[in-house]
Amino acid sequence: MRTTVTVRGQTVVPAKIRRDHRITTSTQLEWVDDGVSIRVVPIPDDAVAAARGLTRDLGSRLLGERNAERDAD
């Protein structure tokens, strides 16, 4: 999808992207510039709730990796 930047430096987030990523009028967007490309990342209202599940089974996965590394030696 392509949008245009206005004279005032504004652009429009396409409706499909707003729906798919639940972007509303109060959603904050983080602009990430890595020197090659620019990404726009929506910041959730409740970052803790959004992060739930990311660490699920983290301990057992880390132990599994540690055991695999130990077995490889």
C-alpha atoms as a PDB file:
ATOM      1  CA  MET A   1       0.000   0.000   0.000  1.00  0.00           C
ATOM      2  CA  ARG A   2       1.205   3.437  -0.800  1.00  0.00           C
ATOM      3  CA  THR A   3       0.365   6.791   0.773  1.00  0.00           C
ATOM      4  CA  THR A   4       1.586  10.320   0.193  1.00  0.00           C
ATOM      5  CA  VAL A   5       3.117  12.729   2.692  1.00  0.00           C
ATOM      6  CA  THR A   6       1.353  16.112   2.781  1.00  0.00           C
ATOM      7  CA  VAL A   7       3.000  19.528   2.865  1.00  0.00           C
ATOM      8  CA  ARG A   8       2.532  19.454   6.643  1.00  0.00           C
ATOM      9  CA  GLY A   9       4.417  16.137   6.915  1.00  0.00           C
ATOM     10  CA  GLN A  10       1.304  14.053   7.542  1.00  0.00           C
ATOM     11  CA  THR A  11       0.245  10.785   5.973  1.00  0.00           C
ATOM     12  CA  VAL A  12      -2.742   8.445   6.199  1.00  0.00           C
ATOM     13  CA  VAL A  13      -2.675   4.942   7.671  1.00  0.00           C
ATOM     14  CA  PRO A  14      -4.712   2.854   5.207  1.00  0.00           C
ATOM     15  CA  ALA A  15      -8.016   1.528   6.570  1.00  0.00           C
ATOM     16  CA  LYS A  16      -7.071  -2.150   6.121  1.00  0.00           C
ATOM     17  CA  ILE A  17      -3.890  -1.669   8.176  1.00  0.00           C
ATOM     18  CA  ARG A  18      -5.842   0.223  10.875  1.00  0.00           C
ATOM     19  CA  ARG A  19      -8.360  -2.620  11.090  1.00  0.00           C
ATOM     20  CA  ASP A  20      -5.809  -5.453  10.982  1.00  0.00           C
ATOM     21  CA  HIS A  21      -3.637  -3.887  13.705  1.00  0.00           C
ATOM     22  CA  ARG A  22      -6.448  -2.330  15.755  1.00  0.00           C
ATOM     23  CA  ILE A  23      -5.089   1.191  15.297  1.00  0.00           C
ATOM     24  CA  THR A  24      -7.555   3.774  16.619  1.00  0.00           C
ATOM     25  CA  THR A  25      -7.435   7.537  17.101  1.00  0.00           C
ATOM     26  CA  SER A  26      -5.671   7.110  20.460  1.00  0.00           C
ATOM     27  CA  THR A  27      -3.052   4.600  19.274  1.00  0.00           C
ATOM     28  CA  GLN A  28       0.539   5.802  19.483  1.00  0.00           C
ATOM     29  CA  LEU A  29       2.887   4.848  16.651  1.00  0.00           C
ATOM     30  CA  GLU A  30       6.632   4.309  17.042  1.00  0.00           C
ATOM     31  CA  TRP A  31       8.747   5.200  13.991  1.00  0.00           C
ATOM     32  CA  VAL A  32      11.840   2.969  13.778  1.00  0.00           C
ATOM     33  CA  ASP A  33      14.633   4.128  11.449  1.00  0.00           C
ATOM     34  CA  ASP A  34      17.416   1.561  11.048  1.00  0.00           C
ATOM     35  CA  GLY A  35      19.282   3.629   8.463  1.00  0.00           C
ATOM     36  CA  VAL A  36      18.031   1.502   5.567  1.00  0.00           C
ATOM     37  CA  SER A  37      14.287   1.394   6.075  1.00  0.00           C
ATOM     38  CA  ILE A  38      11.587   2.907   8.264  1.00  0.00           C
ATOM     39  CA  ARG A  39       9.059   0.813  10.173  1.00  0.00           C
ATOM     40  CA  VAL A  40       5.943   2.090  11.897  1.00  0.00           C
ATOM     41  CA  VAL A  41       5.013   0.035  14.954  1.00  0.00           C
ATOM     42  CA  PRO A  42       1.749   0.544  16.862  1.00  0.00           C
ATOM     43  CA  ILE A  43       2.258   0.770  20.621  1.00  0.00           C
ATOM     44  CA  PRO A  44      -0.461  -1.125  22.521  1.00  0.00           C
ATOM     45  CA  ASP A  45      -2.422   0.693  25.230  1.00  0.00           C
ATOM     46  CA  ASP A  46      -1.520  -2.034  27.730  1.00  0.00           C
ATOM     47  CA  ALA A  47       2.022  -3.178  26.968  1.00  0.00           C
ATOM     48  CA  VAL A  48       1.960  -5.765  29.772  1.00  0.00           C
ATOM     49  CA  ALA A  49      -1.137  -7.455  28.374  1.00  0.00           C
ATOM     50  CA  ALA A  50       0.360  -7.368  24.877  1.00  0.00           C
ATOM     51  CA  ALA A  51       3.546  -9.022  26.141  1.00  0.00           C
ATOM     52  CA  ARG A  52       1.712 -11.893  27.824  1.00  0.00           C
ATOM     53  CA  GLY A  53       2.509 -15.127  26.120  1.00  0.00           C
ATOM     54  CA  LEU A  54       5.879 -13.962  24.827  1.00  0.00           C
ATOM     55  CA  THR A  55       7.626 -15.550  27.792  1.00  0.00           C
ATOM     56  CA  ARG A  56       5.428 -18.631  27.958  1.00  0.00           C
ATOM     57  CA  ASP A  57       7.600 -21.694  28.582  1.00  0.00           C
ATOM     58  CA  LEU A  58      10.702 -19.482  28.385  1.00  0.00           C
ATOM     59  CA  GLY A  59      12.391 -21.288  31.279  1.00  0.00           C
ATOM     60  CA  SER A  60      11.926 -24.738  29.771  1.00  0.00           C
ATOM     61  CA  ARG A  61      13.043 -23.509  26.325  1.00  0.00           C
ATOM     62  CA  LEU A  62      16.200 -21.961  27.778  1.00  0.00           C
ATOM     63  CA  LEU A  63      16.976 -25.124  29.739  1.00  0.00           C
ATOM     64  CA  GLY A  64      16.429 -27.192  26.601  1.00  0.00           C
ATOM     65  CA  GLU A  65      18.874 -25.007  24.669  1.00  0.00           C
ATOM     66  CA  ARG A  66      21.390 -25.222  27.503  1.00  0.00           C
ATOM     67  CA  ASN A  67      21.136 -29.012  27.598  1.00  0.00           C
ATOM     68  CA  ALA A  68      21.506 -29.204  23.804  1.00  0.00           C
ATOM     69  CA  GLU A  69      24.638 -27.046  23.971  1.00  0.00           C
ATOM     70  CA  ARG A  70      26.017 -29.206  26.793  1.00  0.00           C
ATOM     71  CA  ASP A  71      25.341 -32.384  24.794  1.00  0.00           C
ATOM     72  CA  ALA A  72      27.073 -30.912  21.735  1.00  0.00           C
ATOM     73  CA  ASP A  73      30.337 -30.439  23.672  1.00  0.00           C
END
